[in-house]
Amino acid sequence: MEKIDEILDKEIGILCSCTISNGELARCAVIDSEIWEGFMDGTVLRDTRWDKALFERDFMDNAVFKNMSMKNAWFHLTNLKNSTVSNLSMEGSKFTDMTMSKCLIERCDVKNTKIVSSDLKGVEISDCGYDDMTIEGVPVRKLIEAYNQLNPDNPLITNENK
């Protein structure tokens, strides 16, 4: 198989049954494309645009996603175990049937996000903004206030009273 160090001025519509191991894709746009049945373990994806990309049946363990736009992307049967995601825009994306056990979500903008029919056992939320956040329709601010009134000796600390 031919080794390709650089792809210039070429349109790639589909990557199928490919292996990119510990490689790097940088400064490129992959729009309206499909990536399926691939092995991309340890691959670095940075400074790229993957709008409307479909990742299906891909293994991307230990991958790094950095400085990217992935608006309206779809991940289906994709393994991102132990991967790192930073400076990523995924506005308008939909996540279903995901496992995110033992993940760290830090400094993320999840305004107006809805979490439905999900297992939140053991989830810890700290040092976050709670304005307009609800649980089963009840404002979180009111829940914290009620808890603090019932437990004046051990009140919950919110980011407002730090």
C-alpha atoms as a PDB file:
ATOM      1  CA  MET A   1       0.000   0.000   0.000  1.00  0.00           C
ATOM      2  CA  GLU A   2       1.274   3.470  -0.883  1.00  0.00           C
ATOM      3  CA  LYS A   3       2.337   5.718   2.006  1.00  0.00           C
ATOM      4  CA  ILE A   4       0.830   9.180   1.715  1.00  0.00           C
ATOM      5  CA  ASP A   5       2.584  11.920   3.653  1.00  0.00           C
ATOM      6  CA  GLU A   6       0.401  14.727   2.358  1.00  0.00           C
ATOM      7  CA  ILE A   7      -2.853  15.057   0.400  1.00  0.00           C
ATOM      8  CA  LEU A   8      -3.110  18.356  -1.429  1.00  0.00           C
ATOM      9  CA  ASP A   9      -6.112  19.707  -3.339  1.00  0.00           C
ATOM     10  CA  LYS A  10      -7.911  16.365  -3.400  1.00  0.00           C
ATOM     11  CA  GLU A  11     -11.465  15.644  -2.409  1.00  0.00           C
ATOM     12  CA  ILE A  12     -11.973  12.637  -0.190  1.00  0.00           C
ATOM     13  CA  GLY A  13     -15.585  11.507   0.003  1.00  0.00           C
ATOM     14  CA  ILE A  14     -15.184   8.250   1.889  1.00  0.00           C
ATOM     15  CA  LEU A  15     -12.556   6.504   4.007  1.00  0.00           C
ATOM     16  CA  CYS A  16     -13.564   2.863   4.407  1.00  0.00           C
ATOM     17  CA  SER A  17     -11.842  -0.031   6.162  1.00  0.00           C
ATOM     18  CA  CYS A  18      -8.785   2.107   6.779  1.00  0.00           C
ATOM     19  CA  THR A  19      -6.109   1.965   9.437  1.00  0.00           C
ATOM     20  CA  ILE A  20      -4.409   5.135  10.682  1.00  0.00           C
ATOM     21  CA  SER A  21      -2.350   4.166  13.690  1.00  0.00           C
ATOM     22  CA  ASN A  22      -0.693   6.963  15.662  1.00  0.00           C
ATOM     23  CA  GLY A  23      -1.001   9.231  12.634  1.00  0.00           C
ATOM     24  CA  GLU A  24      -2.061  12.853  12.396  1.00  0.00           C
ATOM     25  CA  LEU A  25      -4.686  14.643  10.316  1.00  0.00           C
ATOM     26  CA  ALA A  26      -4.221  18.413  10.533  1.00  0.00           C
ATOM     27  CA  ARG A  27      -5.380  21.604   8.805  1.00  0.00           C
ATOM     28  CA  CYS A  28      -7.942  19.916   6.573  1.00  0.00           C
ATOM     29  CA  ALA A  29     -11.679  19.977   5.937  1.00  0.00           C
ATOM     30  CA  VAL A  30     -13.654  16.748   5.747  1.00  0.00           C
ATOM     31  CA  ILE A  31     -17.231  17.854   4.988  1.00  0.00           C
ATOM     32  CA  ASP A  32     -20.214  15.639   4.129  1.00  0.00           C
ATOM     33  CA  SER A  33     -17.942  12.597   4.309  1.00  0.00           C
ATOM     34  CA  GLU A  34     -18.079   9.161   5.857  1.00  0.00           C
ATOM     35  CA  ILE A  35     -15.432   7.401   7.903  1.00  0.00           C
ATOM     36  CA  TRP A  36     -16.444   3.828   8.633  1.00  0.00           C
ATOM     37  CA  GLU A  37     -15.036   0.479   9.688  1.00  0.00           C
ATOM     38  CA  GLY A  38     -11.725   2.155  10.451  1.00  0.00           C
ATOM     39  CA  PHE A  39      -9.023   1.778  13.043  1.00  0.00           C
ATOM     40  CA  MET A  40      -7.619   5.165  14.042  1.00  0.00           C
ATOM     41  CA  ASP A  41      -6.145   4.328  17.449  1.00  0.00           C
ATOM     42  CA  GLY A  42      -3.862   7.035  18.820  1.00  0.00           C
ATOM     43  CA  THR A  43      -4.566   9.333  15.878  1.00  0.00           C
ATOM     44  CA  VAL A  44      -4.410  13.104  16.363  1.00  0.00           C
ATOM     45  CA  LEU A  45      -7.110  15.164  14.626  1.00  0.00           C
ATOM     46  CA  ARG A  46      -6.402  18.893  14.972  1.00  0.00           C
ATOM     47  CA  ASP A  47      -7.129  22.228  13.357  1.00  0.00           C
ATOM     48  CA  THR A  48      -9.686  20.586  11.089  1.00  0.00           C
ATOM     49  CA  ARG A  49     -13.318  20.888  10.080  1.00  0.00           C
ATOM     50  CA  TRP A  50     -15.434  17.734   9.989  1.00  0.00           C
ATOM     51  CA  ASP A  51     -18.914  19.224   9.556  1.00  0.00           C
ATOM     52  CA  LYS A  52     -21.670  16.674   8.934  1.00  0.00           C
ATOM     53  CA  ALA A  53     -19.145  13.820   9.201  1.00  0.00           C
ATOM     54  CA  LEU A  54     -20.424  10.310   9.899  1.00  0.00           C
ATOM     55  CA  PHE A  55     -18.195   8.036  11.965  1.00  0.00           C
ATOM     56  CA  GLU A  56     -19.571   4.491  11.871  1.00  0.00           C
ATOM     57  CA  ARG A  57     -18.073   1.319  13.338  1.00  0.00           C
ATOM     58  CA  ASP A  58     -14.743   3.067  13.993  1.00  0.00           C
ATOM     59  CA  PHE A  59     -12.193   2.296  16.696  1.00  0.00           C
ATOM     60  CA  MET A  60     -10.456   5.465  17.818  1.00  0.00           C
ATOM     61  CA  ASP A  61      -8.979   4.514  21.203  1.00  0.00           C
ATOM     62  CA  ASN A  62      -6.600   7.131  22.623  1.00  0.00           C
ATOM     63  CA  ALA A  63      -7.424   9.554  19.800  1.00  0.00           C
ATOM     64  CA  VAL A  64      -6.942  13.302  20.270  1.00  0.00           C
ATOM     65  CA  PHE A  65      -9.471  15.823  18.882  1.00  0.00           C
ATOM     66  CA  LYS A  66      -8.168  19.400  19.202  1.00  0.00           C
ATOM     67  CA  ASN A  67      -9.233  22.782  17.749  1.00  0.00           C
ATOM     68  CA  MET A  68     -11.975  21.332  15.561  1.00  0.00           C
ATOM     69  CA  SER A  69     -15.446  21.991  14.253  1.00  0.00           C
ATOM     70  CA  MET A  70     -17.708  18.947  14.075  1.00  0.00           C
ATOM     71  CA  LYS A  71     -21.114  20.570  13.737  1.00  0.00           C
ATOM     72  CA  ASN A  72     -23.884  18.087  13.002  1.00  0.00           C
ATOM     73  CA  ALA A  73     -21.452  15.145  13.197  1.00  0.00           C
ATOM     74  CA  TRP A  74     -22.793  11.685  13.931  1.00  0.00           C
ATOM     75  CA  PHE A  75     -20.922   8.954  15.789  1.00  0.00           C
ATOM     76  CA  HIS A  76     -22.513   5.500  15.488  1.00  0.00           C
ATOM     77  CA  LEU A  77     -20.961   2.365  17.021  1.00  0.00           C
ATOM     78  CA  THR A  78     -17.710   4.304  17.465  1.00  0.00           C
ATOM     79  CA  ASN A  79     -15.212   3.609  20.225  1.00  0.00           C
ATOM     80  CA  LEU A  80     -13.434   6.707  21.592  1.00  0.00           C
ATOM     81  CA  LYS A  81     -12.113   5.007  24.739  1.00  0.00           C
ATOM     82  CA  ASN A  82      -9.474   7.048  26.609  1.00  0.00           C
ATOM     83  CA  SER A  83      -9.604   9.791  23.974  1.00  0.00           C
ATOM     84  CA  THR A  84      -9.048  13.503  24.574  1.00  0.00           C
ATOM     85  CA  VAL A  85     -11.305  16.224  23.185  1.00  0.00           C
ATOM     86  CA  SER A  86     -10.445  19.928  23.561  1.00  0.00           C
ATOM     87  CA  ASN A  87     -11.506  23.153  21.857  1.00  0.00           C
ATOM     88  CA  LEU A  88     -14.172  21.299  19.898  1.00  0.00           C
ATOM     89  CA  SER A  89     -17.446  22.705  18.574  1.00  0.00           C
ATOM     90  CA  MET A  90     -20.166  20.068  18.237  1.00  0.00           C
ATOM     91  CA  GLU A  91     -23.152  22.407  18.060  1.00  0.00           C
ATOM     92  CA  GLY A  92     -26.336  20.711  16.911  1.00  0.00           C
ATOM     93  CA  SER A  93     -24.877  17.204  17.304  1.00  0.00           C
ATOM     94  CA  LYS A  94     -26.885  14.307  18.679  1.00  0.00           C
ATOM     95  CA  PHE A  95     -25.522  11.660  21.043  1.00  0.00           C
ATOM     96  CA  THR A  96     -27.510   8.469  21.596  1.00  0.00           C
ATOM     97  CA  ASP A  97     -26.685   5.084  23.108  1.00  0.00           C
ATOM     98  CA  MET A  98     -23.360   6.318  24.505  1.00  0.00           C
ATOM     99  CA  THR A  99     -21.239   5.058  27.365  1.00  0.00           C
ATOM    100  CA  MET A 100     -19.328   7.855  29.085  1.00  0.00           C
ATOM    101  CA  SER A 101     -18.350   6.089  32.311  1.00  0.00           C
ATOM    102  CA  LYS A 102     -15.415   7.583  34.216  1.00  0.00           C
ATOM    103  CA  CYS A 103     -15.197  10.615  31.883  1.00  0.00           C
ATOM    104  CA  LEU A 104     -14.121  14.114  32.874  1.00  0.00           C
ATOM    105  CA  ILE A 105     -16.111  16.939  31.295  1.00  0.00           C
ATOM    106  CA  GLU A 106     -14.424  20.229  32.155  1.00  0.00           C
ATOM    107  CA  ARG A 107     -14.975  23.842  31.024  1.00  0.00           C
ATOM    108  CA  CYS A 108     -17.658  22.810  28.538  1.00  0.00           C
ATOM    109  CA  ASP A 109     -20.542  24.937  27.326  1.00  0.00           C
ATOM    110  CA  VAL A 110     -23.627  22.751  27.557  1.00  0.00           C
ATOM    111  CA  LYS A 111     -26.185  25.566  27.670  1.00  0.00           C
ATOM    112  CA  ASN A 112     -29.665  24.529  26.593  1.00  0.00           C
ATOM    113  CA  THR A 113     -28.641  20.870  26.434  1.00  0.00           C
ATOM    114  CA  LYS A 114     -31.183  18.197  27.254  1.00  0.00           C
ATOM    115  CA  ILE A 115     -30.252  14.880  28.896  1.00  0.00           C
ATOM    116  CA  VAL A 116     -33.072  12.339  28.606  1.00  0.00           C
ATOM    117  CA  SER A 117     -33.423   8.667  29.613  1.00  0.00           C
ATOM    118  CA  SER A 118     -29.803   8.482  30.785  1.00  0.00           C
ATOM    119  CA  ASP A 119     -28.102   6.862  33.760  1.00  0.00           C
ATOM    120  CA  LEU A 120     -26.623   9.642  35.912  1.00  0.00           C
ATOM    121  CA  LYS A 121     -25.714   7.464  38.916  1.00  0.00           C
ATOM    122  CA  GLY A 122     -22.513   8.656  40.541  1.00  0.00           C
ATOM    123  CA  VAL A 123     -22.284  11.823  38.399  1.00  0.00           C
ATOM    124  CA  GLU A 124     -20.629  14.708  40.231  1.00  0.00           C
ATOM    125  CA  ILE A 125     -21.263  18.316  39.201  1.00  0.00           C
ATOM    126  CA  SER A 126     -19.133  20.990  40.859  1.00  0.00           C
ATOM    127  CA  ASP A 127     -18.083  24.591  40.291  1.00  0.00           C
ATOM    128  CA  CYS A 128     -20.638  25.014  37.506  1.00  0.00           C
ATOM    129  CA  GLY A 129     -23.306  27.547  36.674  1.00  0.00           C
ATOM    130  CA  TYR A 130     -26.774  26.281  37.628  1.00  0.00           C
ATOM    131  CA  ASP A 131     -28.894  29.181  36.342  1.00  0.00           C
ATOM    132  CA  ASP A 132     -31.957  27.856  34.533  1.00  0.00           C
ATOM    133  CA  MET A 133     -30.837  24.234  35.118  1.00  0.00           C
ATOM    134  CA  THR A 134     -33.656  21.897  36.114  1.00  0.00           C
ATOM    135  CA  ILE A 135     -33.961  18.326  37.308  1.00  0.00           C
ATOM    136  CA  GLU A 136     -37.326  16.789  36.470  1.00  0.00           C
ATOM    137  CA  GLY A 137     -38.606  20.337  35.921  1.00  0.00           C
ATOM    138  CA  VAL A 138     -37.472  21.651  39.319  1.00  0.00           C
ATOM    139  CA  PRO A 139     -34.912  24.506  39.213  1.00  0.00           C
ATOM    140  CA  VAL A 140     -31.592  23.364  40.717  1.00  0.00           C
ATOM    141  CA  ARG A 141     -31.183  26.739  42.490  1.00  0.00           C
ATOM    142  CA  LYS A 142     -34.389  26.058  44.426  1.00  0.00           C
ATOM    143  CA  LEU A 143     -33.205  22.536  45.316  1.00  0.00           C
ATOM    144  CA  ILE A 144     -29.906  23.932  46.642  1.00  0.00           C
ATOM    145  CA  GLU A 145     -31.725  26.658  48.614  1.00  0.00           C
ATOM    146  CA  ALA A 146     -34.093  24.077  50.135  1.00  0.00           C
ATOM    147  CA  TYR A 147     -31.199  21.804  51.060  1.00  0.00           C
ATOM    148  CA  ASN A 148     -29.292  24.700  52.652  1.00  0.00           C
ATOM    149  CA  GLN A 149     -32.351  25.646  54.733  1.00  0.00           C
ATOM    150  CA  LEU A 150     -32.679  22.063  55.978  1.00  0.00           C
ATOM    151  CA  ASN A 151     -28.924  21.784  56.637  1.00  0.00           C
ATOM    152  CA  PRO A 152     -27.755  25.195  57.917  1.00  0.00           C
ATOM    153  CA  ASP A 153     -24.689  23.629  59.612  1.00  0.00           C
ATOM    154  CA  ASN A 154     -23.569  21.936  56.383  1.00  0.00           C
ATOM    155  CA  PRO A 155     -24.814  24.045  53.444  1.00  0.00           C
ATOM    156  CA  LEU A 156     -24.004  23.264  49.823  1.00  0.00           C
ATOM    157  CA  ILE A 157     -21.506  25.660  48.359  1.00  0.00           C
ATOM    158  CA  THR A 158     -22.505  27.072  45.014  1.00  0.00           C
ATOM    159  CA  ASN A 159     -20.318  29.038  42.659  1.00  0.00           C
ATOM    160  CA  GLU A 160     -22.239  32.148  43.770  1.00  0.00           C
ATOM    161  CA  ASN A 161     -21.227  31.970  47.443  1.00  0.00           C
ATOM    162  CA  LYS A 162     -17.596  30.870  47.045  1.00  0.00           C
END
